[in-house]
C-alpha atoms as a PDB file:
ATOM      1  CA  MET A   1      -7.184 -27.232  -3.890  1.00  0.00           C
ATOM      2  CA  LYS A   2     -10.394 -30.204  -2.891  1.00  0.00           C
ATOM      3  CA  VAL A   3     -12.711 -27.431  -0.770  1.00  0.00           C
ATOM      4  CA  VAL A   4     -16.024 -28.299   1.273  1.00  0.00           C
ATOM      5  CA  VAL A   5     -18.304 -25.386   2.298  1.00  0.00           C
ATOM      6  CA  CYS A   6     -19.560 -26.076   5.889  1.00  0.00           C
ATOM      7  CA  GLY A   7     -22.984 -24.013   6.119  1.00  0.00           C
ATOM      8  CA  THR A   8     -25.174 -23.039   3.711  1.00  0.00           C
ATOM      9  CA  ARG A   9     -26.634 -19.364   4.282  1.00  0.00           C
ATOM     10  CA  PHE A  10     -23.915 -17.268   3.990  1.00  0.00           C
ATOM     11  CA  GLY A  11     -22.323 -19.952   2.923  1.00  0.00           C
ATOM     12  CA  GLN A  12     -24.359 -19.692  -0.503  1.00  0.00           C
ATOM     13  CA  ILE A  13     -21.359 -17.233  -1.629  1.00  0.00           C
ATOM     14  CA  TYR A  14     -18.952 -19.434  -1.071  1.00  0.00           C
ATOM     15  CA  LEU A  15     -20.535 -21.922  -3.121  1.00  0.00           C
ATOM     16  CA  ALA A  16     -21.231 -19.832  -5.908  1.00  0.00           C
ATOM     17  CA  ALA A  17     -17.636 -18.131  -5.757  1.00  0.00           C
ATOM     18  CA  LEU A  18     -15.747 -21.683  -5.725  1.00  0.00           C
ATOM     19  CA  ALA A  19     -17.850 -21.862  -8.645  1.00  0.00           C
ATOM     20  CA  ARG A  20     -16.259 -18.999 -10.268  1.00  0.00           C
ATOM     21  CA  ASP A  21     -12.592 -20.596  -9.963  1.00  0.00           C
ATOM     22  CA  PRO A  22     -12.324 -24.844 -10.789  1.00  0.00           C
ATOM     23  CA  GLY A  23      -8.603 -24.370 -11.862  1.00  0.00           C
ATOM     24  CA  ARG A  24      -7.830 -22.948  -8.279  1.00  0.00           C
ATOM     25  CA  TYR A  25     -10.436 -24.934  -6.162  1.00  0.00           C
ATOM     26  CA  GLN A  26     -12.795 -27.799  -6.377  1.00  0.00           C
ATOM     27  CA  LEU A  27     -15.838 -28.031  -4.037  1.00  0.00           C
ATOM     28  CA  ALA A  28     -15.550 -31.114  -2.577  1.00  0.00           C
ATOM     29  CA  GLY A  29     -18.743 -30.894  -0.784  1.00  0.00           C
ATOM     30  CA  ILE A  30     -21.165 -29.214   1.320  1.00  0.00           C
ATOM     31  CA  LEU A  31     -21.044 -29.957   5.619  1.00  0.00           C
ATOM     32  CA  ALA A  32     -24.504 -28.848   7.141  1.00  0.00           C
ATOM     33  CA  ARG A  33     -27.246 -30.442   9.029  1.00  0.00           C
ATOM     34  CA  GLY A  34     -29.088 -31.601   6.136  1.00  0.00           C
ATOM     35  CA  GLY A  35     -32.246 -29.026   6.209  1.00  0.00           C
ATOM     36  CA  ALA A  36     -34.356 -28.285   2.654  1.00  0.00           C
ATOM     37  CA  ARG A  37     -31.830 -25.713   1.569  1.00  0.00           C
ATOM     38  CA  SER A  38     -28.164 -27.530   1.716  1.00  0.00           C
ATOM     39  CA  VAL A  39     -30.068 -30.850  -0.047  1.00  0.00           C
ATOM     40  CA  ALA A  40     -30.888 -28.245  -2.666  1.00  0.00           C
ATOM     41  CA  LEU A  41     -27.779 -26.663  -3.300  1.00  0.00           C
ATOM     42  CA  ALA A  42     -25.819 -29.793  -3.131  1.00  0.00           C
ATOM     43  CA  GLU A  43     -28.105 -31.110  -6.070  1.00  0.00           C
ATOM     44  CA  GLN A  44     -27.416 -27.809  -7.438  1.00  0.00           C
ATOM     45  CA  TYR A  45     -23.399 -27.765  -7.596  1.00  0.00           C
ATOM     46  CA  ASP A  46     -23.923 -31.957  -7.920  1.00  0.00           C
ATOM     47  CA  VAL A  47     -21.405 -32.444  -5.113  1.00  0.00           C
ATOM     48  CA  PRO A  48     -21.906 -34.780  -1.484  1.00  0.00           C
ATOM     49  CA  LEU A  49     -23.950 -33.475   1.441  1.00  0.00           C
ATOM     50  CA  TYR A  50     -22.111 -34.755   4.759  1.00  0.00           C
ATOM     51  CA  ASP A  51     -23.589 -33.851   7.957  1.00  0.00           C
ATOM     52  CA  ALA A  52     -20.585 -34.374  10.495  1.00  0.00           C
ATOM     53  CA  VAL A  53     -16.698 -33.731  10.263  1.00  0.00           C
ATOM     54  CA  GLU A  54     -15.860 -37.409  10.474  1.00  0.00           C
ATOM     55  CA  ARG A  55     -17.885 -38.252   7.327  1.00  0.00           C
ATOM     56  CA  LEU A  56     -15.601 -35.997   5.533  1.00  0.00           C
ATOM     57  CA  PRO A  57     -12.909 -37.775   2.437  1.00  0.00           C
ATOM     58  CA  GLY A  58      -9.206 -38.051   3.419  1.00  0.00           C
ATOM     59  CA  ASP A  59      -8.703 -35.709   0.645  1.00  0.00           C
ATOM     60  CA  VAL A  60     -10.064 -32.868   1.339  1.00  0.00           C
ATOM     61  CA  ASP A  61      -7.732 -29.677   1.548  1.00  0.00           C
ATOM     62  CA  ALA A  62      -9.602 -27.263   3.136  1.00  0.00           C
ATOM     63  CA  ALA A  63     -12.672 -25.391   4.935  1.00  0.00           C
ATOM     64  CA  CYS A  64     -14.397 -22.763   4.435  1.00  0.00           C
ATOM     65  CA  VAL A  65     -16.464 -22.591   7.439  1.00  0.00           C
ATOM     66  CA  VAL A  66     -19.485 -20.295   7.288  1.00  0.00           C
ATOM     67  CA  VAL A  67     -21.362 -20.815  10.689  1.00  0.00           C
ATOM     68  CA  SER A  68     -21.827 -18.618  13.443  1.00  0.00           C
ATOM     69  CA  SER A  69     -19.234 -18.692  15.881  1.00  0.00           C
ATOM     70  CA  ALA A  70     -20.588 -18.375  19.780  1.00  0.00           C
ATOM     71  CA  VAL A  71     -21.320 -14.442  19.412  1.00  0.00           C
ATOM     72  CA  GLY A  72     -23.297 -15.198  16.550  1.00  0.00           C
ATOM     73  CA  GLY A  73     -24.895 -18.519  18.977  1.00  0.00           C
ATOM     74  CA  GLY A  74     -23.351 -21.029  17.128  1.00  0.00           C
ATOM     75  CA  ARG A  75     -20.713 -23.609  16.790  1.00  0.00           C
ATOM     76  CA  GLY A  76     -18.704 -22.545  14.544  1.00  0.00           C
ATOM     77  CA  ALA A  77     -15.461 -22.440  16.372  1.00  0.00           C
ATOM     78  CA  GLN A  78     -15.596 -25.546  17.742  1.00  0.00           C
ATOM     79  CA  LEU A  79     -16.391 -26.910  14.071  1.00  0.00           C
ATOM     80  CA  ALA A  80     -13.370 -25.136  12.747  1.00  0.00           C
ATOM     81  CA  GLN A  81     -10.817 -26.869  15.684  1.00  0.00           C
ATOM     82  CA  GLU A  82     -12.065 -30.295  14.708  1.00  0.00           C
ATOM     83  CA  LEU A  83     -11.851 -29.585  11.278  1.00  0.00           C
ATOM     84  CA  LEU A  84      -8.234 -28.237  12.081  1.00  0.00           C
ATOM     85  CA  GLY A  85      -7.494 -31.727  14.244  1.00  0.00           C
ATOM     86  CA  ARG A  86      -8.384 -33.279  11.395  1.00  0.00           C
ATOM     87  CA  GLY A  87      -5.512 -32.108   9.287  1.00  0.00           C
ATOM     88  CA  ILE A  88      -7.961 -29.665   7.235  1.00  0.00           C
ATOM     89  CA  HIS A  89      -7.072 -25.957   7.118  1.00  0.00           C
ATOM     90  CA  VAL A  90     -10.262 -23.388   7.593  1.00  0.00           C
ATOM     91  CA  LEU A  91     -10.807 -20.010   6.187  1.00  0.00           C
ATOM     92  CA  GLN A  92     -13.303 -19.066   8.877  1.00  0.00           C
ATOM     93  CA  GLU A  93     -16.657 -16.148   8.833  1.00  0.00           C
ATOM     94  CA  HIS A  94     -16.601 -13.431  10.975  1.00  0.00           C
ATOM     95  CA  PRO A  95     -16.482 -12.579  13.269  1.00  0.00           C
ATOM     96  CA  VAL A  96     -15.442 -14.688  16.348  1.00  0.00           C
ATOM     97  CA  HIS A  97     -14.864 -14.145  19.757  1.00  0.00           C
ATOM     98  CA  PRO A  98     -10.472 -13.374  20.713  1.00  0.00           C
ATOM     99  CA  ASP A  99     -10.910 -16.306  23.434  1.00  0.00           C
ATOM    100  CA  GLU A 100     -12.381 -18.825  20.353  1.00  0.00           C
ATOM    101  CA  LEU A 101      -9.843 -16.883  17.705  1.00  0.00           C
ATOM    102  CA  ALA A 102      -6.879 -17.865  19.982  1.00  0.00           C
ATOM    103  CA  ALA A 103      -8.006 -21.748  20.547  1.00  0.00           C
ATOM    104  CA  CYS A 104      -8.938 -22.337  16.431  1.00  0.00           C
ATOM    105  CA  LEU A 105      -4.729 -20.700  16.272  1.00  0.00           C
ATOM    106  CA  ARG A 106      -3.630 -22.841  18.937  1.00  0.00           C
ATOM    107  CA  ALA A 107      -5.132 -25.660  17.434  1.00  0.00           C
ATOM    108  CA  ALA A 108      -4.178 -25.095  14.006  1.00  0.00           C
ATOM    109  CA  ARG A 109      -0.197 -24.934  15.206  1.00  0.00           C
ATOM    110  CA  LYS A 110      -0.706 -27.853  17.028  1.00  0.00           C
ATOM    111  CA  ALA A 111      -2.600 -30.038  14.083  1.00  0.00           C
ATOM    112  CA  GLY A 112       0.409 -28.318  11.633  1.00  0.00           C
ATOM    113  CA  THR A 113      -2.665 -26.819   9.583  1.00  0.00           C
ATOM    114  CA  GLN A 114      -3.627 -23.010   8.527  1.00  0.00           C
ATOM    115  CA  TYR A 115      -6.328 -20.929   9.982  1.00  0.00           C
ATOM    116  CA  VAL A 116      -7.405 -17.800   8.971  1.00  0.00           C
ATOM    117  CA  LEU A 117      -9.956 -15.424   9.834  1.00  0.00           C
ATOM    118  CA  ASN A 118     -12.064 -14.069   6.757  1.00  0.00           C
ATOM    119  CA  THR A 119     -13.030 -10.665   7.863  1.00  0.00           C
ATOM    120  CA  PHE A 120     -14.967 -10.669   4.072  1.00  0.00           C
ATOM    121  CA  TYR A 121     -15.216  -6.879   3.373  1.00  0.00           C
ATOM    122  CA  PRO A 122     -11.288  -5.915   3.396  1.00  0.00           C
ATOM    123  CA  HIS A 123     -11.353  -8.427   0.679  1.00  0.00           C
ATOM    124  CA  LEU A 124     -13.887  -7.081  -1.882  1.00  0.00           C
ATOM    125  CA  GLU A 125     -11.992  -5.017  -4.221  1.00  0.00           C
ATOM    126  CA  PRO A 126     -13.261  -1.631  -3.233  1.00  0.00           C
ATOM    127  CA  VAL A 127     -12.755  -1.758   0.162  1.00  0.00           C
ATOM    128  CA  ARG A 128      -8.396  -3.185  -0.840  1.00  0.00           C
ATOM    129  CA  ARG A 129      -8.527   0.362  -3.102  1.00  0.00           C
ATOM    130  CA  PHE A 130      -9.316   2.289  -0.556  1.00  0.00           C
ATOM    131  CA  THR A 131      -7.159   0.453   2.167  1.00  0.00           C
ATOM    132  CA  ALA A 132      -4.026   0.693  -0.738  1.00  0.00           C
ATOM    133  CA  ALA A 133      -4.493   4.573  -1.308  1.00  0.00           C
ATOM    134  CA  ALA A 134      -4.918   5.399   2.351  1.00  0.00           C
ATOM    135  CA  ARG A 135      -1.494   3.379   3.395  1.00  0.00           C
ATOM    136  CA  ARG A 136       0.082   5.501   0.096  1.00  0.00           C
ATOM    137  CA  LEU A 137      -1.392   8.298   1.632  1.00  0.00           C
ATOM    138  CA  VAL A 138      -0.900   7.978   5.131  1.00  0.00           C
ATOM    139  CA  SER A 139       3.033   7.259   4.170  1.00  0.00           C
ATOM    140  CA  MET A 140       3.266  10.305   2.362  1.00  0.00           C
ATOM    141  CA  ARG A 141       1.480  12.691   4.800  1.00  0.00           C
ATOM    142  CA  ALA A 142       0.703  12.211   8.310  1.00  0.00           C
ATOM    143  CA  PRO A 143      -2.963  11.332   9.265  1.00  0.00           C
ATOM    144  CA  VAL A 144      -5.193  13.887  10.899  1.00  0.00           C
ATOM    145  CA  PHE A 145      -8.182  12.338  11.662  1.00  0.00           C
ATOM    146  CA  VAL A 146     -10.445   9.360  10.698  1.00  0.00           C
ATOM    147  CA  ASP A 147     -14.172   9.763  10.820  1.00  0.00           C
ATOM    148  CA  ALA A 148     -16.065   6.318  10.199  1.00  0.00           C
ATOM    149  CA  LEU A 149     -19.671   5.300  10.185  1.00  0.00           C
ATOM    150  CA  CYS A 150     -21.177   1.461  10.146  1.00  0.00           C
ATOM    151  CA  ALA A 151     -23.652  -0.827  10.877  1.00  0.00           C
ATOM    152  CA  VAL A 152     -22.518  -2.751  14.438  1.00  0.00           C
ATOM    153  CA  GLN A 153     -23.192  -6.502  12.215  1.00  0.00           C
ATOM    154  CA  VAL A 154     -19.864  -5.055  10.349  1.00  0.00           C
ATOM    155  CA  SER A 155     -17.844  -3.224  12.967  1.00  0.00           C
ATOM    156  CA  PHE A 156     -15.677  -6.002  12.886  1.00  0.00           C
ATOM    157  CA  ASP A 157     -14.191  -6.204  10.141  1.00  0.00           C
ATOM    158  CA  LEU A 158     -14.459  -1.843   9.967  1.00  0.00           C
ATOM    159  CA  LEU A 159     -12.030  -2.966  12.687  1.00  0.00           C
ATOM    160  CA  ASP A 160      -9.949  -5.127  10.497  1.00  0.00           C
ATOM    161  CA  ILE A 161      -9.788  -2.211   7.251  1.00  0.00           C
ATOM    162  CA  LEU A 162      -8.841   0.337   9.624  1.00  0.00           C
ATOM    163  CA  ALA A 163      -6.296  -1.824  11.295  1.00  0.00           C
ATOM    164  CA  GLY A 164      -4.495  -2.830   7.132  1.00  0.00           C
ATOM    165  CA  ILE A 165      -4.140   0.896   6.915  1.00  0.00           C
ATOM    166  CA  PHE A 166      -1.882   1.663   9.654  1.00  0.00           C
ATOM    167  CA  ASP A 167      -0.606  -1.697   9.917  1.00  0.00           C
ATOM    168  CA  GLY A 168      -2.371  -2.771  13.140  1.00  0.00           C
ATOM    169  CA  LEU A 169      -5.084  -0.580  15.434  1.00  0.00           C
ATOM    170  CA  ARG A 170      -2.114   0.297  18.081  1.00  0.00           C
ATOM    171  CA  PRO A 171      -1.968   2.288  20.118  1.00  0.00           C
ATOM    172  CA  TRP A 172      -5.176   1.432  20.571  1.00  0.00           C
ATOM    173  CA  SER A 173      -7.947   3.418  22.786  1.00  0.00           C
ATOM    174  CA  LEU A 174     -11.826   3.888  23.578  1.00  0.00           C
ATOM    175  CA  SER A 175     -13.518   6.887  25.302  1.00  0.00           C
ATOM    176  CA  ALA A 176     -16.846   6.340  27.516  1.00  0.00           C
ATOM    177  CA  VAL A 177     -20.253   5.720  25.080  1.00  0.00           C
ATOM    178  CA  ALA A 178     -22.816   8.028  25.752  1.00  0.00           C
ATOM    179  CA  VAL A 179     -26.304   6.215  25.522  1.00  0.00           C
ATOM    180  CA  PRO A 180     -27.430   7.730  21.710  1.00  0.00           C
ATOM    181  CA  GLY A 181     -31.203   8.438  23.508  1.00  0.00           C
ATOM    182  CA  GLY A 182     -33.470   7.370  19.970  1.00  0.00           C
ATOM    183  CA  ARG A 183     -30.289   8.344  17.782  1.00  0.00           C
ATOM    184  CA  PRO A 184     -29.947   6.220  14.746  1.00  0.00           C
ATOM    185  CA  PHE A 185     -26.149   6.372  15.784  1.00  0.00           C
ATOM    186  CA  THR A 186     -24.322   5.789  18.519  1.00  0.00           C
ATOM    187  CA  SER A 187     -20.821   8.061  18.315  1.00  0.00           C
ATOM    188  CA  VAL A 188     -17.778   6.555  20.019  1.00  0.00           C
ATOM    189  CA  ASP A 189     -14.375   8.750  20.309  1.00  0.00           C
ATOM    190  CA  ALA A 190     -11.471   6.509  20.098  1.00  0.00           C
ATOM    191  CA  GLN A 191      -8.071   6.483  18.623  1.00  0.00           C
ATOM    192  CA  VAL A 192      -6.480   4.255  16.246  1.00  0.00           C
ATOM    193  CA  ALA A 193      -2.824   3.713  15.401  1.00  0.00           C
ATOM    194  CA  GLY A 194      -3.020   7.056  17.822  1.00  0.00           C
ATOM    195  CA  VAL A 195      -4.891   9.007  15.330  1.00  0.00           C
ATOM    196  CA  PRO A 196      -7.971  10.784  16.442  1.00  0.00           C
ATOM    197  CA  LEU A 197     -11.064   8.664  15.597  1.00  0.00           C
ATOM    198  CA  THR A 198     -14.753   9.387  15.349  1.00  0.00           C
ATOM    199  CA  LEU A 199     -17.412   6.258  15.122  1.00  0.00           C
ATOM    200  CA  ARG A 200     -20.270   6.117  14.593  1.00  0.00           C
ATOM    201  CA  VAL A 201     -22.670   2.521  15.245  1.00  0.00           C
ATOM    202  CA  GLU A 202     -25.905   1.919  13.775  1.00  0.00           C
ATOM    203  CA  ASN A 203     -26.436  -0.068  16.761  1.00  0.00           C
ATOM    204  CA  ARG A 204     -29.420  -1.727  16.405  1.00  0.00           C
ATOM    205  CA  MET A 205     -30.326  -4.387  13.879  1.00  0.00           C
ATOM    206  CA  ARG A 206     -33.306  -6.935  12.982  1.00  0.00           C
ATOM    207  CA  GLU A 207     -32.548 -10.315  14.148  1.00  0.00           C
ATOM    208  CA  GLY A 208     -31.780 -12.378  10.837  1.00  0.00           C
ATOM    209  CA  ASP A 209     -32.245  -9.596   8.500  1.00  0.00           C
ATOM    210  CA  ASP A 210     -28.494  -7.824   7.742  1.00  0.00           C
ATOM    211  CA  SER A 211     -30.838  -6.306   5.448  1.00  0.00           C
ATOM    212  CA  SER A 212     -32.237  -3.483   7.736  1.00  0.00           C
ATOM    213  CA  SER A 213     -29.321  -1.609   8.572  1.00  0.00           C
ATOM    214  CA  LEU A 214     -29.309   2.323   7.138  1.00  0.00           C
ATOM    215  CA  LEU A 215     -25.644   1.233   5.360  1.00  0.00           C
ATOM    216  CA  LEU A 216     -22.994  -0.777   5.803  1.00  0.00           C
ATOM    217  CA  HIS A 217     -18.960   1.547   5.765  1.00  0.00           C
ATOM    218  CA  ARG A 218     -18.084   4.583   5.190  1.00  0.00           C
ATOM    219  CA  ILE A 219     -14.586   6.095   6.143  1.00  0.00           C
ATOM    220  CA  THR A 220     -12.851   9.388   6.032  1.00  0.00           C
ATOM    221  CA  VAL A 221      -8.757   9.685   6.141  1.00  0.00           C
ATOM    222  CA  GLY A 222      -8.012  13.151   6.661  1.00  0.00           C
ATOM    223  CA  THR A 223      -4.710  14.434   6.163  1.00  0.00           C
ATOM    224  CA  ASP A 224      -3.491  18.755   5.927  1.00  0.00           C
ATOM    225  CA  ALA A 225      -3.224  17.605   2.091  1.00  0.00           C
ATOM    226  CA  GLY A 226      -6.154  16.182   1.661  1.00  0.00           C
ATOM    227  CA  ASN A 227      -9.277  13.634   2.295  1.00  0.00           C
ATOM    228  CA  LEU A 228      -9.644   9.771   1.095  1.00  0.00           C
ATOM    229  CA  LEU A 229     -13.100   8.848   1.445  1.00  0.00           C
ATOM    230  CA  LEU A 230     -14.871   4.999   0.825  1.00  0.00           C
ATOM    231  CA  ALA A 231     -17.991   6.641  -0.190  1.00  0.00           C
ATOM    232  CA  ASN A 232     -19.592   2.814   0.521  1.00  0.00           C
ATOM    233  CA  THR A 233     -18.168  -0.531   1.023  1.00  0.00           C
ATOM    234  CA  HIS A 234     -18.534  -1.037  -2.911  1.00  0.00           C
ATOM    235  CA  GLY A 235     -16.948   1.928  -4.007  1.00  0.00           C
ATOM    236  CA  PRO A 236     -16.315   5.293  -5.332  1.00  0.00           C
ATOM    237  CA  VAL A 237     -13.220   5.675  -3.540  1.00  0.00           C
ATOM    238  CA  ILE A 238     -12.645   9.902  -3.363  1.00  0.00           C
ATOM    239  CA  TRP A 239      -9.818  11.913  -2.744  1.00  0.00           C
ATOM    240  CA  SER A 240     -10.653  15.624  -2.017  1.00  0.00           C
ATOM    241  CA  PRO A 241      -7.269  17.765  -1.850  1.00  0.00           C
ATOM    242  CA  VAL A 242      -7.888  20.889   0.489  1.00  0.00           C
ATOM    243  CA  LEU A 243      -8.004  24.435  -0.715  1.00  0.00           C
ATOM    244  CA  ARG A 244      -4.345  25.793  -1.467  1.00  0.00           C
ATOM    245  CA  LEU A 245      -4.091  30.114  -2.191  1.00  0.00           C
ATOM    246  CA  PRO A 246      -1.696  31.579  -3.001  1.00  0.00           C
ATOM    247  CA  SER A 247       0.499  33.419  -0.299  1.00  0.00           C
ATOM    248  CA  ASN A 248       1.163  36.363  -1.153  1.00  0.00           C
ATOM    249  CA  PRO A 249      -0.473  39.063   0.558  1.00  0.00           C
ATOM    250  CA  ASP A 250      -0.898  41.911  -2.166  1.00  0.00           C
ATOM    251  CA  GLU A 251      -2.716  39.558  -5.026  1.00  0.00           C
ATOM    252  CA  GLN A 252      -6.526  40.985  -4.240  1.00  0.00           C
ATOM    253  CA  VAL A 253      -7.873  38.314  -6.773  1.00  0.00           C
ATOM    254  CA  LEU A 254      -8.146  35.131  -6.997  1.00  0.00           C
ATOM    255  CA  PRO A 255      -6.691  32.922  -9.777  1.00  0.00           C
ATOM    256  CA  SER A 256      -8.847  31.536 -11.930  1.00  0.00           C
ATOM    257  CA  ASP A 257      -6.992  28.599 -13.159  1.00  0.00           C
ATOM    258  CA  GLY A 258      -4.192  26.675 -10.768  1.00  0.00           C
ATOM    259  CA  LEU A 259      -5.640  25.464  -7.892  1.00  0.00           C
ATOM    260  CA  GLY A 260      -6.571  21.603  -9.436  1.00  0.00           C
ATOM    261  CA  VAL A 261      -9.875  20.054  -8.691  1.00  0.00           C
ATOM    262  CA  THR A 262     -11.899  19.775  -5.738  1.00  0.00           C
ATOM    263  CA  SER A 263     -12.590  15.833  -6.180  1.00  0.00           C
ATOM    264  CA  ASP A 264     -11.201  13.456  -7.984  1.00  0.00           C
ATOM    265  CA  PHE A 265     -12.372   9.632  -8.045  1.00  0.00           C
ATOM    266  CA  VAL A 266      -9.692   6.500  -7.745  1.00  0.00           C
ATOM    267  CA  GLY A 267      -9.936   4.097  -9.693  1.00  0.00           C
ATOM    268  CA  PRO A 268     -14.167   3.470 -11.191  1.00  0.00           C
ATOM    269  CA  ALA A 269     -16.522   7.046 -10.461  1.00  0.00           C
ATOM    270  CA  ALA A 270     -19.420   4.160 -10.296  1.00  0.00           C
ATOM    271  CA  ALA A 271     -20.531   1.523  -8.414  1.00  0.00           C
ATOM    272  CA  PRO A 272     -21.595  -1.881  -9.412  1.00  0.00           C
ATOM    273  CA  THR A 273     -25.318  -2.437  -8.656  1.00  0.00           C
ATOM    274  CA  TRP A 274     -26.626  -4.898  -5.586  1.00  0.00           C
ATOM    275  CA  ALA A 275     -26.655  -8.166  -8.028  1.00  0.00           C
ATOM    276  CA  GLY A 276     -23.229  -7.262  -9.077  1.00  0.00           C
ATOM    277  CA  ALA A 277     -22.040  -7.160  -5.460  1.00  0.00           C
ATOM    278  CA  VAL A 278     -23.075 -10.023  -4.569  1.00  0.00           C
ATOM    279  CA  ASN A 279     -22.337 -12.311  -7.822  1.00  0.00           C
ATOM    280  CA  ASP A 280     -19.198 -10.637  -8.554  1.00  0.00           C
ATOM    281  CA  VAL A 281     -17.728  -8.774  -5.394  1.00  0.00           C
ATOM    282  CA  TRP A 282     -18.029 -10.895  -3.342  1.00  0.00           C
ATOM    283  CA  GLY A 283     -17.574 -13.925  -5.235  1.00  0.00           C
ATOM    284  CA  GLU A 284     -14.191 -12.478  -6.256  1.00  0.00           C
ATOM    285  CA  GLY A 285     -13.393 -11.453  -2.201  1.00  0.00           C
ATOM    286  CA  VAL A 286     -14.117 -15.175  -1.222  1.00  0.00           C
ATOM    287  CA  VAL A 287     -11.137 -16.117  -3.993  1.00  0.00           C
ATOM    288  CA  SER A 288      -8.777 -13.417  -2.397  1.00  0.00           C
ATOM    289  CA  ALA A 289      -9.329 -14.739   0.910  1.00  0.00           C
ATOM    290  CA  LEU A 290      -8.765 -18.489  -0.259  1.00  0.00           C
ATOM    291  CA  ASP A 291      -5.860 -16.965  -1.901  1.00  0.00           C
ATOM    292  CA  THR A 292      -4.875 -16.289   1.120  1.00  0.00           C
ATOM    293  CA  LEU A 293      -4.868 -19.266   3.812  1.00  0.00           C
ATOM    294  CA  ARG A 294      -3.182 -21.099   0.049  1.00  0.00           C
ATOM    295  CA  GLU A 295      -0.614 -18.756   0.379  1.00  0.00           C
ATOM    296  CA  ARG A 296      -0.295 -19.613   4.265  1.00  0.00           C
ATOM    297  CA  VAL A 297      -0.411 -22.879   3.113  1.00  0.00           C
ATOM    298  CA  GLU A 298       2.167 -23.377   0.891  1.00  0.00           C
ATOM    299  CA  LEU A 299       4.964 -20.885   2.785  1.00  0.00           C
ATOM    300  CA  GLY A 300       4.066 -23.270   5.888  1.00  0.00           C
ATOM    301  CA  ALA A 301       3.644 -20.439   8.033  1.00  0.00           C
ATOM    302  CA  ASP A 302       3.186 -20.270  11.590  1.00  0.00           C
ATOM    303  CA  PRO A 303      -0.825 -19.673  12.254  1.00  0.00           C
ATOM    304  CA  LEU A 304      -0.284 -18.023  15.371  1.00  0.00           C
ATOM    305  CA  HIS A 305       2.014 -15.045  13.792  1.00  0.00           C
ATOM    306  CA  GLY A 306       0.108 -14.740  11.050  1.00  0.00           C
ATOM    307  CA  GLY A 307      -2.985 -14.481  13.716  1.00  0.00           C
ATOM    308  CA  GLN A 308      -2.090 -11.822  15.804  1.00  0.00           C
ATOM    309  CA  ARG A 309      -3.481  -8.264  13.554  1.00  0.00           C
ATOM    310  CA  HIS A 310      -7.182 -10.619  13.803  1.00  0.00           C
ATOM    311  CA  LEU A 311      -6.427 -11.504  17.680  1.00  0.00           C
ATOM    312  CA  THR A 312      -5.945  -7.386  17.843  1.00  0.00           C
ATOM    313  CA  VAL A 313      -8.775  -7.002  16.140  1.00  0.00           C
ATOM    314  CA  ALA A 314     -11.170  -9.096  17.696  1.00  0.00           C
ATOM    315  CA  ARG A 315     -10.233  -7.894  21.741  1.00  0.00           C
ATOM    316  CA  ALA A 316     -10.472  -4.013  20.175  1.00  0.00           C
ATOM    317  CA  TRP A 317     -14.047  -5.184  18.682  1.00  0.00           C
ATOM    318  CA  LYS A 318     -15.161  -6.479  22.014  1.00  0.00           C
ATOM    319  CA  GLU A 319     -13.904  -3.308  23.746  1.00  0.00           C
ATOM    320  CA  LEU A 320     -16.167  -1.913  21.356  1.00  0.00           C
ATOM    321  CA  THR A 321     -19.441  -3.942  21.058  1.00  0.00           C
ATOM    322  CA  GLU A 322     -19.302  -4.519  25.207  1.00  0.00           C
ATOM    323  CA  ALA A 323     -19.695  -0.237  25.364  1.00  0.00           C
ATOM    324  CA  LEU A 324     -22.024  -0.014  22.816  1.00  0.00           C
ATOM    325  CA  GLY A 325     -24.372  -2.627  24.502  1.00  0.00           C
ATOM    326  CA  TYR A 326     -26.754  -4.700  23.308  1.00  0.00           C
ATOM    327  CA  PRO A 327     -28.238  -3.756  20.006  1.00  0.00           C
ATOM    328  CA  GLU A 328     -31.459  -2.296  20.092  1.00  0.00           C
ATOM    329  CA  ALA A 329     -34.222  -3.757  17.717  1.00  0.00           C
ATOM    330  CA  ALA A 330     -34.652  -2.179  14.389  1.00  0.00           C
ATOM    331  CA  LYS A 331     -37.962  -1.215  13.044  1.00  0.00           C
ATOM    332  CA  PRO A 332     -37.461   0.060   9.504  1.00  0.00           C
ATOM    333  CA  GLU A 333     -39.743   1.321   7.438  1.00  0.00           C
ATOM    334  CA  PRO A 334     -41.479   0.192   4.705  1.00  0.00           C
ATOM    335  CA  GLY A 335     -41.588   0.920   1.137  1.00  0.00           C
ATOM    336  CA  GLU A 336     -39.357   0.422  -2.193  1.00  0.00           C
ATOM    337  CA  PRO A 337     -35.866   0.886  -2.135  1.00  0.00           C
ATOM    338  CA  LEU A 338     -35.254   4.358  -4.048  1.00  0.00           C
ATOM    339  CA  SER A 339     -33.006   5.280  -7.053  1.00  0.00           C
ATOM    340  CA  ALA A 340     -30.516   8.390  -8.086  1.00  0.00           C
ATOM    341  CA  ALA A 341     -33.414   9.747 -10.693  1.00  0.00           C
ATOM    342  CA  ASP A 342     -36.376   9.295  -8.243  1.00  0.00           C
ATOM    343  CA  LEU A 343     -34.314  12.253  -6.530  1.00  0.00           C
END
């Protein structure tokens, strides 16, 4: 597939990802406003730089729209619809307002093209591993609770991760949100797929700087058999079975063996470095999202049918962010990052 990338800020991740798999995806150009960064990246990747959809050549198959939509003050959804109207399939970076998302899906159906919203983090290998294990867990044991933390700017994709575990969010409900009163996290009680959810959101951020957040995602799915934890967006995934003691009332001494481990890793125990996450894990995740788009193109799937899950997520996210209110301005403490050795 010949692919153009629209936007060159976070779009740099997409550009690097396309370079990973030239046998499946050919970078056909960059669509941007023509700033110094866009010019430099076009030179780096040796591709044309376009400043308007109508200037794109007729052999472009797909576009990655990595431009803010209306919720971020941009025109990403409008750009996506222009591309779809030209017969170009679109993978659009989240978040997108549910009304804009519905409009893009309708535009795709009308034009006979495919539109896929990329919530990004659910495509990362550690999150896919956690989701697969959690789906297996809840198929064997009834879920009792979900406990989750996230930064507000990644709350959309946290909801999509949960939707991936439970095959959707419904029945979904959200309780009244208490004003945090100077606390770093706002606590929200909800239910997802009928399971009690405790969600704590860091509803503060430094404008234009996601690195000021205290964390990205941390999710626990609990059952009577034990708890499955995604300790960090990039892993590890940890299984902690519950303690089961012998039921014999005459037993006076606790058994010294046979109880199993207190916790174990699902997959690697180590997490990547930040450089490894950005350069490798994120790039592989973008290719995974593009593979989803490509599969839908090859199947000729109905865009509206395929977009129902993300429409549900977008509506729940809109409800959540309206309840949280406008994010506070983050003022992170200065200083160098710490390592485990420092502790």
